[in-house]
Amino acid sequence: MKRIYIFAALIAIIFVGTLTGLAQKQTKGETRMSDKKEPIDIVKAIFEAFNRHDAEVMASFYAEDVFVDSPDFSAPKRTPKEVAVNYRNYFASTPDIKDDVTNIIVSGNKVIVEFVSSGTIQNPAPDDPPTMKGKKFSLKICSILEIKNGKVVRDITYYDQLSFLKQVGLA
């Protein structure tokens, strides 16, 4: 009879220990998940920073080995620093630039964003024709962002570059 009680006690200890271990793992997992932002939250924060013209905050959401490409780039951007420089240039040339998000689609760690970017070019870049100064534009744009470990690892943008060139008097 003593053996049955000892065996039952051991089973109970193992059972309670297993439940305690599972509970601790779930708590740790929930804590880790709550520490990470969801892909949609990261993308929304990037667009909010864009509309505040905060290139450094935008760049802080990008991974060190990011790949960012757009029709207006001569070469893809590969670091958060390059991302920040790129957006600082946009903000300097077009002080009133803003993005109005019209649609967001989330699929796992990928976020597709449709938006309208608009502004008035006030300070054309040195390589741009000075005739662009004062020209307004409004572009429908689509970006696809991939998020891993809370950072953007890929950001590809598509838009009709001919439409932009026509709006600023270059086509």
N, C-alpha and C. Protein backbone atom coordinates (compact mmCIF):
# COMPACT_ATOMS: atom_id res chain seq x y z
N MET A 1 0.83 -1.18 0.00
CA MET A 1 0.00 0.00 0.00
C MET A 1 0.87 1.25 0.00
N LYS A 2 1.99 1.15 0.77
CA LYS A 2 2.89 2.29 0.82
C LYS A 2 3.42 2.61 -0.57
N ARG A 3 3.71 1.56 -1.34
CA ARG A 3 4.25 1.75 -2.69
C ARG A 3 3.25 2.50 -3.57
N ILE A 4 1.98 2.22 -3.45
CA ILE A 4 0.95 2.89 -4.25
C ILE A 4 0.93 4.38 -3.92
N TYR A 5 1.00 4.72 -2.62
CA TYR A 5 1.01 6.13 -2.22
C TYR A 5 2.26 6.83 -2.73
N ILE A 6 3.40 6.17 -2.64
CA ILE A 6 4.66 6.78 -3.10
C ILE A 6 4.59 6.97 -4.62
N PHE A 7 4.10 5.94 -5.32
CA PHE A 7 3.97 6.03 -6.78
C PHE A 7 3.00 7.14 -7.16
N ALA A 8 1.87 7.23 -6.49
CA ALA A 8 0.87 8.27 -6.77
C ALA A 8 1.46 9.65 -6.48
N ALA A 9 2.22 9.76 -5.40
CA ALA A 9 2.85 11.04 -5.05
C ALA A 9 3.86 11.44 -6.12
N LEU A 10 4.65 10.47 -6.60
CA LEU A 10 5.62 10.77 -7.65
C LEU A 10 4.92 11.22 -8.93
N ILE A 11 3.85 10.53 -9.29
CA ILE A 11 3.08 10.91 -10.48
C ILE A 11 2.54 12.33 -10.32
N ALA A 12 2.01 12.63 -9.14
CA ALA A 12 1.46 13.96 -8.87
C ALA A 12 2.54 15.01 -8.97
N ILE A 13 3.72 14.73 -8.42
CA ILE A 13 4.84 15.70 -8.48
C ILE A 13 5.26 15.93 -9.93
N ILE A 14 5.37 14.84 -10.69
CA ILE A 14 5.76 14.97 -12.10
C ILE A 14 4.70 15.76 -12.87
N PHE A 15 3.41 15.44 -12.62
CA PHE A 15 2.31 16.12 -13.30
C PHE A 15 2.31 17.62 -12.99
N VAL A 16 2.41 17.96 -11.71
CA VAL A 16 2.43 19.37 -11.31
C VAL A 16 3.67 20.07 -11.87
N GLY A 17 4.80 19.39 -11.84
CA GLY A 17 6.04 19.97 -12.38
C GLY A 17 5.91 20.23 -13.87
N THR A 18 5.30 19.29 -14.59
CA THR A 18 5.10 19.47 -16.03
C THR A 18 4.18 20.64 -16.30
N LEU A 19 3.08 20.74 -15.56
CA LEU A 19 2.15 21.86 -15.74
C LEU A 19 2.83 23.19 -15.44
N THR A 20 3.61 23.21 -14.37
CA THR A 20 4.32 24.44 -14.00
C THR A 20 5.30 24.84 -15.11
N GLY A 21 6.02 23.86 -15.64
CA GLY A 21 6.97 24.13 -16.73
C GLY A 21 6.26 24.66 -17.97
N LEU A 22 5.13 24.04 -18.33
CA LEU A 22 4.36 24.52 -19.47
C LEU A 22 3.84 25.93 -19.25
N ALA A 23 3.36 26.20 -18.06
CA ALA A 23 2.85 27.54 -17.75
C ALA A 23 3.96 28.57 -17.86
N GLN A 24 5.17 28.21 -17.37
CA GLN A 24 6.28 29.15 -17.46
C GLN A 24 6.66 29.40 -18.92
N LYS A 25 6.67 28.33 -19.74
CA LYS A 25 7.00 28.50 -21.16
C LYS A 25 5.97 29.38 -21.84
N GLN A 26 4.69 29.18 -21.55
CA GLN A 26 3.65 30.01 -22.16
C GLN A 26 3.80 31.45 -21.73
N THR A 27 4.06 31.68 -20.47
CA THR A 27 4.23 33.05 -19.98
C THR A 27 5.42 33.71 -20.68
N LYS A 28 6.56 32.97 -20.77
CA LYS A 28 7.72 33.54 -21.45
C LYS A 28 7.40 33.82 -22.90
N GLY A 29 6.70 32.89 -23.57
CA GLY A 29 6.33 33.09 -24.97
C GLY A 29 5.44 34.29 -25.14
N GLU A 30 4.46 34.46 -24.26
CA GLU A 30 3.57 35.60 -24.35
C GLU A 30 4.33 36.90 -24.12
N THR A 31 5.27 36.88 -23.20
CA THR A 31 6.06 38.08 -22.93
C THR A 31 6.88 38.44 -24.16
N ARG A 32 7.51 37.42 -24.76
CA ARG A 32 8.31 37.69 -25.95
C ARG A 32 7.44 38.21 -27.08
N MET A 33 6.28 37.61 -27.27
CA MET A 33 5.40 38.06 -28.35
C MET A 33 4.90 39.48 -28.11
N SER A 34 4.62 39.82 -26.86
CA SER A 34 4.13 41.17 -26.60
C SER A 34 5.24 42.20 -26.76
N ASP A 35 6.51 41.75 -26.64
CA ASP A 35 7.62 42.66 -26.84
C ASP A 35 7.82 42.98 -28.33
N LYS A 36 7.44 42.05 -29.19
CA LYS A 36 7.60 42.26 -30.63
C LYS A 36 6.37 42.94 -31.19
N LYS A 37 6.61 43.83 -32.11
CA LYS A 37 5.48 44.46 -32.81
C LYS A 37 5.07 43.58 -33.97
N GLU A 38 3.83 43.60 -34.28
CA GLU A 38 3.32 42.88 -35.44
C GLU A 38 3.77 43.61 -36.71
N PRO A 39 3.91 42.89 -37.82
CA PRO A 39 4.32 43.55 -39.07
C PRO A 39 3.49 44.77 -39.42
N ILE A 40 2.19 44.70 -39.24
CA ILE A 40 1.34 45.86 -39.58
C ILE A 40 1.67 47.07 -38.70
N ASP A 41 1.99 46.83 -37.43
CA ASP A 41 2.35 47.93 -36.53
C ASP A 41 3.65 48.60 -36.96
N ILE A 42 4.60 47.79 -37.39
CA ILE A 42 5.88 48.33 -37.85
C ILE A 42 5.67 49.19 -39.09
N VAL A 43 4.90 48.68 -40.04
CA VAL A 43 4.66 49.42 -41.28
C VAL A 43 3.90 50.71 -41.00
N LYS A 44 2.89 50.65 -40.15
CA LYS A 44 2.16 51.88 -39.81
C LYS A 44 3.09 52.90 -39.15
N ALA A 45 3.98 52.43 -38.29
CA ALA A 45 4.92 53.34 -37.62
C ALA A 45 5.87 53.99 -38.64
N ILE A 46 6.27 53.24 -39.65
CA ILE A 46 7.13 53.80 -40.70
C ILE A 46 6.41 54.92 -41.44
N PHE A 47 5.15 54.69 -41.81
CA PHE A 47 4.40 55.72 -42.53
C PHE A 47 4.12 56.94 -41.64
N GLU A 48 3.89 56.71 -40.36
CA GLU A 48 3.71 57.84 -39.44
C GLU A 48 4.99 58.66 -39.36
N ALA A 49 6.14 57.99 -39.28
CA ALA A 49 7.42 58.70 -39.23
C ALA A 49 7.67 59.43 -40.55
N PHE A 50 7.29 58.83 -41.67
CA PHE A 50 7.44 59.50 -42.96
C PHE A 50 6.65 60.81 -42.96
N ASN A 51 5.43 60.76 -42.51
CA ASN A 51 4.60 61.97 -42.52
C ASN A 51 5.05 63.01 -41.51
N ARG A 52 5.87 62.62 -40.54
CA ARG A 52 6.51 63.58 -39.62
C ARG A 52 7.87 64.03 -40.15
N HIS A 53 8.29 63.42 -41.26
CA HIS A 53 9.60 63.68 -41.88
C HIS A 53 10.74 63.29 -40.94
N ASP A 54 10.60 62.14 -40.30
CA ASP A 54 11.60 61.65 -39.34
C ASP A 54 12.34 60.45 -39.94
N ALA A 55 13.36 60.74 -40.74
CA ALA A 55 14.10 59.70 -41.45
C ALA A 55 14.82 58.75 -40.50
N GLU A 56 15.29 59.27 -39.37
CA GLU A 56 16.02 58.40 -38.42
C GLU A 56 15.09 57.36 -37.80
N VAL A 57 13.89 57.77 -37.43
CA VAL A 57 12.94 56.80 -36.88
C VAL A 57 12.58 55.79 -37.95
N MET A 58 12.34 56.25 -39.16
CA MET A 58 12.04 55.31 -40.25
C MET A 58 13.15 54.28 -40.38
N ALA A 59 14.38 54.74 -40.45
CA ALA A 59 15.53 53.85 -40.64
C ALA A 59 15.68 52.86 -39.49
N SER A 60 15.24 53.23 -38.31
CA SER A 60 15.39 52.34 -37.15
C SER A 60 14.55 51.07 -37.28
N PHE A 61 13.59 51.06 -38.19
CA PHE A 61 12.75 49.89 -38.40
C PHE A 61 13.34 48.93 -39.44
N TYR A 62 14.48 49.30 -40.05
CA TYR A 62 15.08 48.49 -41.10
C TYR A 62 16.25 47.67 -40.57
N ALA A 63 16.34 46.41 -41.04
CA ALA A 63 17.43 45.51 -40.64
C ALA A 63 18.75 45.99 -41.22
N GLU A 64 19.83 45.58 -40.58
CA GLU A 64 21.17 45.98 -41.04
C GLU A 64 21.48 45.48 -42.45
N ASP A 65 20.85 44.38 -42.87
CA ASP A 65 21.11 43.82 -44.20
C ASP A 65 19.87 43.95 -45.09
N VAL A 66 19.18 45.06 -44.97
CA VAL A 66 17.93 45.30 -45.69
C VAL A 66 18.17 45.41 -47.20
N PHE A 67 17.13 45.16 -47.97
CA PHE A 67 17.14 45.38 -49.42
C PHE A 67 15.94 46.26 -49.73
N VAL A 68 16.20 47.49 -50.18
CA VAL A 68 15.14 48.45 -50.50
C VAL A 68 15.33 48.89 -51.95
N ASP A 69 14.25 48.80 -52.74
CA ASP A 69 14.37 49.20 -54.14
C ASP A 69 13.11 49.94 -54.59
N SER A 70 13.30 50.83 -55.55
CA SER A 70 12.23 51.68 -56.07
C SER A 70 12.64 52.14 -57.47
N PRO A 71 11.68 52.47 -58.33
CA PRO A 71 12.02 52.93 -59.68
C PRO A 71 12.92 54.17 -59.70
N ASP A 72 12.89 54.99 -58.65
CA ASP A 72 13.69 56.21 -58.67
C ASP A 72 15.09 56.04 -58.09
N PHE A 73 15.47 54.83 -57.69
CA PHE A 73 16.81 54.59 -57.16
C PHE A 73 17.76 54.21 -58.30
N SER A 74 18.98 54.72 -58.24
CA SER A 74 19.99 54.27 -59.21
C SER A 74 20.51 52.89 -58.81
N ALA A 75 20.42 52.57 -57.52
CA ALA A 75 20.82 51.25 -57.01
C ALA A 75 20.02 51.00 -55.73
N PRO A 76 19.76 49.73 -55.41
CA PRO A 76 19.03 49.43 -54.17
C PRO A 76 19.76 49.96 -52.93
N LYS A 77 19.00 50.28 -51.91
CA LYS A 77 19.57 50.69 -50.62
C LYS A 77 19.78 49.42 -49.81
N ARG A 78 20.92 49.33 -49.11
CA ARG A 78 21.28 48.10 -48.43
C ARG A 78 21.48 48.23 -46.92
N THR A 79 21.36 49.44 -46.38
CA THR A 79 21.55 49.63 -44.94
C THR A 79 20.54 50.66 -44.42
N PRO A 80 20.27 50.64 -43.13
CA PRO A 80 19.39 51.67 -42.56
C PRO A 80 19.94 53.08 -42.80
N LYS A 81 21.26 53.23 -42.79
CA LYS A 81 21.85 54.55 -43.02
C LYS A 81 21.50 55.06 -44.42
N GLU A 82 21.59 54.18 -45.42
CA GLU A 82 21.22 54.57 -46.79
C GLU A 82 19.73 54.92 -46.87
N VAL A 83 18.92 54.19 -46.14
CA VAL A 83 17.48 54.47 -46.11
C VAL A 83 17.25 55.87 -45.54
N ALA A 84 17.91 56.19 -44.43
CA ALA A 84 17.75 57.50 -43.80
C ALA A 84 18.19 58.63 -44.74
N VAL A 85 19.33 58.46 -45.39
CA VAL A 85 19.82 59.48 -46.33
C VAL A 85 18.82 59.69 -47.45
N ASN A 86 18.30 58.60 -47.99
CA ASN A 86 17.32 58.69 -49.07
C ASN A 86 16.10 59.51 -48.65
N TYR A 87 15.55 59.20 -47.48
CA TYR A 87 14.35 59.92 -47.04
C TYR A 87 14.65 61.35 -46.63
N ARG A 88 15.81 61.61 -46.06
CA ARG A 88 16.17 63.01 -45.76
C ARG A 88 16.20 63.82 -47.06
N ASN A 89 16.70 63.21 -48.13
CA ASN A 89 16.73 63.90 -49.43
C ASN A 89 15.32 64.20 -49.93
N TYR A 90 14.41 63.22 -49.79
CA TYR A 90 13.01 63.47 -50.17
C TYR A 90 12.44 64.65 -49.39
N PHE A 91 12.66 64.64 -48.08
CA PHE A 91 12.08 65.69 -47.22
C PHE A 91 12.69 67.05 -47.54
N ALA A 92 13.97 67.09 -47.90
CA ALA A 92 14.62 68.36 -48.25
C ALA A 92 14.10 68.89 -49.58
N SER A 93 13.91 68.01 -50.56
CA SER A 93 13.47 68.48 -51.88
C SER A 93 11.99 68.82 -51.90
N THR A 94 11.21 68.11 -51.08
CA THR A 94 9.76 68.29 -51.09
C THR A 94 9.27 68.44 -49.65
N PRO A 95 9.39 69.63 -49.07
CA PRO A 95 9.09 69.82 -47.65
C PRO A 95 7.65 69.49 -47.24
N ASP A 96 6.73 69.48 -48.21
CA ASP A 96 5.34 69.17 -47.86
C ASP A 96 4.93 67.74 -48.26
N ILE A 97 5.91 66.89 -48.59
CA ILE A 97 5.58 65.54 -49.02
C ILE A 97 4.84 64.78 -47.92
N LYS A 98 3.84 64.02 -48.33
CA LYS A 98 3.10 63.20 -47.37
C LYS A 98 2.57 61.98 -48.09
N ASP A 99 2.35 60.94 -47.33
CA ASP A 99 1.78 59.70 -47.85
C ASP A 99 0.43 59.46 -47.19
N ASP A 100 -0.58 59.22 -48.01
CA ASP A 100 -1.92 58.87 -47.51
C ASP A 100 -2.16 57.41 -47.84
N VAL A 101 -2.16 56.57 -46.81
CA VAL A 101 -2.36 55.14 -47.00
C VAL A 101 -3.83 54.89 -47.35
N THR A 102 -4.05 54.14 -48.43
CA THR A 102 -5.41 53.84 -48.86
C THR A 102 -5.79 52.38 -48.61
N ASN A 103 -4.79 51.49 -48.48
CA ASN A 103 -5.09 50.09 -48.26
C ASN A 103 -3.85 49.38 -47.71
N ILE A 104 -4.09 48.48 -46.78
CA ILE A 104 -3.01 47.65 -46.23
C ILE A 104 -3.50 46.20 -46.24
N ILE A 105 -2.66 45.33 -46.76
CA ILE A 105 -2.95 43.90 -46.78
C ILE A 105 -1.80 43.19 -46.07
N VAL A 106 -2.13 42.34 -45.10
CA VAL A 106 -1.11 41.61 -44.36
C VAL A 106 -1.25 40.13 -44.67
N SER A 107 -0.13 39.50 -44.97
CA SER A 107 -0.09 38.05 -45.19
C SER A 107 1.16 37.52 -44.49
N GLY A 108 0.96 37.02 -43.28
CA GLY A 108 2.11 36.53 -42.51
C GLY A 108 3.04 37.67 -42.18
N ASN A 109 4.29 37.56 -42.63
CA ASN A 109 5.28 38.60 -42.33
C ASN A 109 5.44 39.59 -43.49
N LYS A 110 4.53 39.54 -44.45
CA LYS A 110 4.56 40.49 -45.57
C LYS A 110 3.40 41.46 -45.46
N VAL A 111 3.68 42.72 -45.77
CA VAL A 111 2.66 43.77 -45.73
C VAL A 111 2.69 44.50 -47.06
N ILE A 112 1.53 44.57 -47.70
CA ILE A 112 1.38 45.31 -48.95
C ILE A 112 0.65 46.61 -48.62
N VAL A 113 1.22 47.72 -49.02
CA VAL A 113 0.63 49.02 -48.72
C VAL A 113 0.39 49.77 -50.02
N GLU A 114 -0.85 50.20 -50.22
CA GLU A 114 -1.19 51.09 -51.31
C GLU A 114 -1.35 52.48 -50.70
N PHE A 115 -0.76 53.47 -51.35
CA PHE A 115 -0.85 54.83 -50.82
C PHE A 115 -0.68 55.84 -51.93
N VAL A 116 -1.03 57.07 -51.60
CA VAL A 116 -0.84 58.18 -52.52
C VAL A 116 0.20 59.11 -51.89
N SER A 117 1.28 59.33 -52.62
CA SER A 117 2.32 60.24 -52.17
C SER A 117 2.15 61.55 -52.94
N SER A 118 2.14 62.66 -52.22
CA SER A 118 1.94 63.94 -52.89
C SER A 118 2.80 65.02 -52.25
N GLY A 119 3.06 66.04 -53.04
CA GLY A 119 3.84 67.16 -52.53
C GLY A 119 4.19 68.13 -53.65
N THR A 120 4.97 69.13 -53.28
CA THR A 120 5.43 70.15 -54.23
C THR A 120 6.95 70.21 -54.14
N ILE A 121 7.61 70.00 -55.24
CA ILE A 121 9.08 70.03 -55.23
C ILE A 121 9.53 71.48 -55.06
N GLN A 122 10.24 71.75 -53.99
CA GLN A 122 10.74 73.10 -53.71
C GLN A 122 12.24 73.22 -53.93
N ASN A 123 12.96 72.14 -53.69
CA ASN A 123 14.42 72.16 -53.77
C ASN A 123 14.89 70.95 -54.58
N PRO A 124 14.84 71.05 -55.92
CA PRO A 124 15.27 69.90 -56.72
C PRO A 124 16.70 69.49 -56.35
N ALA A 125 16.94 68.19 -56.39
CA ALA A 125 18.29 67.67 -56.12
C ALA A 125 19.25 68.22 -57.17
N PRO A 126 20.54 68.28 -56.85
CA PRO A 126 21.52 68.84 -57.81
C PRO A 126 21.48 68.18 -59.19
N ASP A 127 21.15 66.90 -59.26
CA ASP A 127 21.10 66.19 -60.55
C ASP A 127 19.77 66.39 -61.28
N ASP A 128 18.78 66.99 -60.60
CA ASP A 128 17.46 67.18 -61.20
C ASP A 128 17.38 68.53 -61.91
N PRO A 129 16.59 68.60 -62.98
CA PRO A 129 16.42 69.89 -63.68
C PRO A 129 15.77 70.92 -62.76
N PRO A 130 16.25 72.15 -62.78
CA PRO A 130 15.68 73.19 -61.93
C PRO A 130 14.23 73.51 -62.28
N THR A 131 13.80 73.10 -63.48
CA THR A 131 12.42 73.36 -63.89
C THR A 131 11.41 72.56 -63.06
N MET A 132 11.89 71.62 -62.28
CA MET A 132 10.99 70.83 -61.42
C MET A 132 10.48 71.66 -60.25
N LYS A 133 11.21 72.75 -59.92
CA LYS A 133 10.84 73.56 -58.76
C LYS A 133 9.42 74.09 -58.90
N GLY A 134 8.66 73.92 -57.83
CA GLY A 134 7.29 74.40 -57.79
C GLY A 134 6.27 73.44 -58.38
N LYS A 135 6.72 72.32 -58.92
CA LYS A 135 5.81 71.35 -59.55
C LYS A 135 5.20 70.44 -58.48
N LYS A 136 3.89 70.27 -58.59
CA LYS A 136 3.15 69.39 -57.68
C LYS A 136 3.05 68.01 -58.30
N PHE A 137 2.99 67.00 -57.43
CA PHE A 137 2.77 65.64 -57.91
C PHE A 137 1.86 64.91 -56.93
N SER A 138 1.22 63.89 -57.47
CA SER A 138 0.37 63.00 -56.67
C SER A 138 0.45 61.63 -57.34
N LEU A 139 1.07 60.68 -56.65
CA LEU A 139 1.34 59.36 -57.23
C LEU A 139 0.68 58.25 -56.45
N LYS A 140 0.04 57.34 -57.17
CA LYS A 140 -0.44 56.10 -56.56
C LYS A 140 0.76 55.15 -56.52
N ILE A 141 1.03 54.63 -55.32
CA ILE A 141 2.22 53.79 -55.11
C ILE A 141 1.82 52.52 -54.38
N CYS A 142 2.56 51.46 -54.64
CA CYS A 142 2.38 50.20 -53.91
C CYS A 142 3.74 49.74 -53.41
N SER A 143 3.83 49.44 -52.13
CA SER A 143 5.06 48.91 -51.55
C SER A 143 4.77 47.57 -50.90
N ILE A 144 5.72 46.67 -51.03
CA ILE A 144 5.64 45.36 -50.39
C ILE A 144 6.82 45.26 -49.43
N LEU A 145 6.49 45.10 -48.15
CA LEU A 145 7.52 45.03 -47.13
C LEU A 145 7.49 43.66 -46.47
N GLU A 146 8.67 43.12 -46.22
CA GLU A 146 8.81 41.84 -45.52
C GLU A 146 9.49 42.11 -44.18
N ILE A 147 8.89 41.58 -43.11
CA ILE A 147 9.37 41.82 -41.76
C ILE A 147 9.89 40.51 -41.17
N LYS A 148 11.08 40.56 -40.57
CA LYS A 148 11.62 39.41 -39.84
C LYS A 148 12.24 39.93 -38.55
N ASN A 149 11.94 39.26 -37.45
CA ASN A 149 12.48 39.64 -36.14
C ASN A 149 12.25 41.11 -35.83
N GLY A 150 11.08 41.63 -36.20
CA GLY A 150 10.72 42.99 -35.86
C GLY A 150 11.37 44.07 -36.71
N LYS A 151 12.03 43.69 -37.82
CA LYS A 151 12.69 44.66 -38.70
C LYS A 151 12.32 44.39 -40.16
N VAL A 152 12.30 45.45 -40.95
CA VAL A 152 12.06 45.31 -42.38
C VAL A 152 13.33 44.75 -43.01
N VAL A 153 13.20 43.64 -43.74
CA VAL A 153 14.35 43.05 -44.43
C VAL A 153 14.27 43.26 -45.94
N ARG A 154 13.08 43.58 -46.42
CA ARG A 154 12.88 43.81 -47.85
C ARG A 154 11.75 44.82 -48.01
N ASP A 155 11.98 45.81 -48.87
CA ASP A 155 10.99 46.87 -49.11
C ASP A 155 11.09 47.22 -50.59
N ILE A 156 10.09 46.78 -51.35
CA ILE A 156 10.09 47.01 -52.80
C ILE A 156 8.90 47.90 -53.12
N THR A 157 9.16 48.97 -53.85
CA THR A 157 8.12 49.93 -54.20
C THR A 157 7.91 49.96 -55.71
N TYR A 158 6.64 50.08 -56.09
CA TYR A 158 6.26 50.16 -57.50
C TYR A 158 5.39 51.39 -57.71
N TYR A 159 5.64 52.12 -58.78
CA TYR A 159 4.76 53.21 -59.19
C TYR A 159 5.05 53.54 -60.65
N ASP A 160 4.15 54.30 -61.24
CA ASP A 160 4.27 54.70 -62.64
C ASP A 160 5.20 55.91 -62.72
N GLN A 161 6.46 55.66 -63.03
CA GLN A 161 7.44 56.75 -63.06
C GLN A 161 7.13 57.74 -64.18
N LEU A 162 6.55 57.28 -65.28
CA LEU A 162 6.19 58.20 -66.36
C LEU A 162 5.14 59.21 -65.89
N SER A 163 4.21 58.74 -65.06
CA SER A 163 3.21 59.65 -64.50
C SER A 163 3.88 60.75 -63.68
N PHE A 164 4.86 60.37 -62.87
CA PHE A 164 5.60 61.36 -62.07
C PHE A 164 6.31 62.35 -62.98
N LEU A 165 7.02 61.85 -63.98
CA LEU A 165 7.78 62.72 -64.89
C LEU A 165 6.87 63.70 -65.62
N LYS A 166 5.68 63.24 -66.01
CA LYS A 166 4.71 64.13 -66.67
C LYS A 166 4.26 65.24 -65.70
N GLN A 167 4.00 64.84 -64.44
CA GLN A 167 3.49 65.82 -63.47
C GLN A 167 4.52 66.90 -63.14
N VAL A 168 5.81 66.56 -63.22
CA VAL A 168 6.83 67.56 -62.90
C VAL A 168 7.44 68.18 -64.15
N GLY A 169 6.78 67.96 -65.30
CA GLY A 169 7.19 68.62 -66.54
C GLY A 169 8.40 68.06 -67.23
N LEU A 170 8.69 66.80 -67.00
CA LEU A 170 9.89 66.20 -67.62
C LEU A 170 9.54 65.18 -68.70
N ALA A 171 8.28 65.00 -68.99
CA ALA A 171 7.91 64.04 -70.06
C ALA A 171 6.68 64.54 -70.79
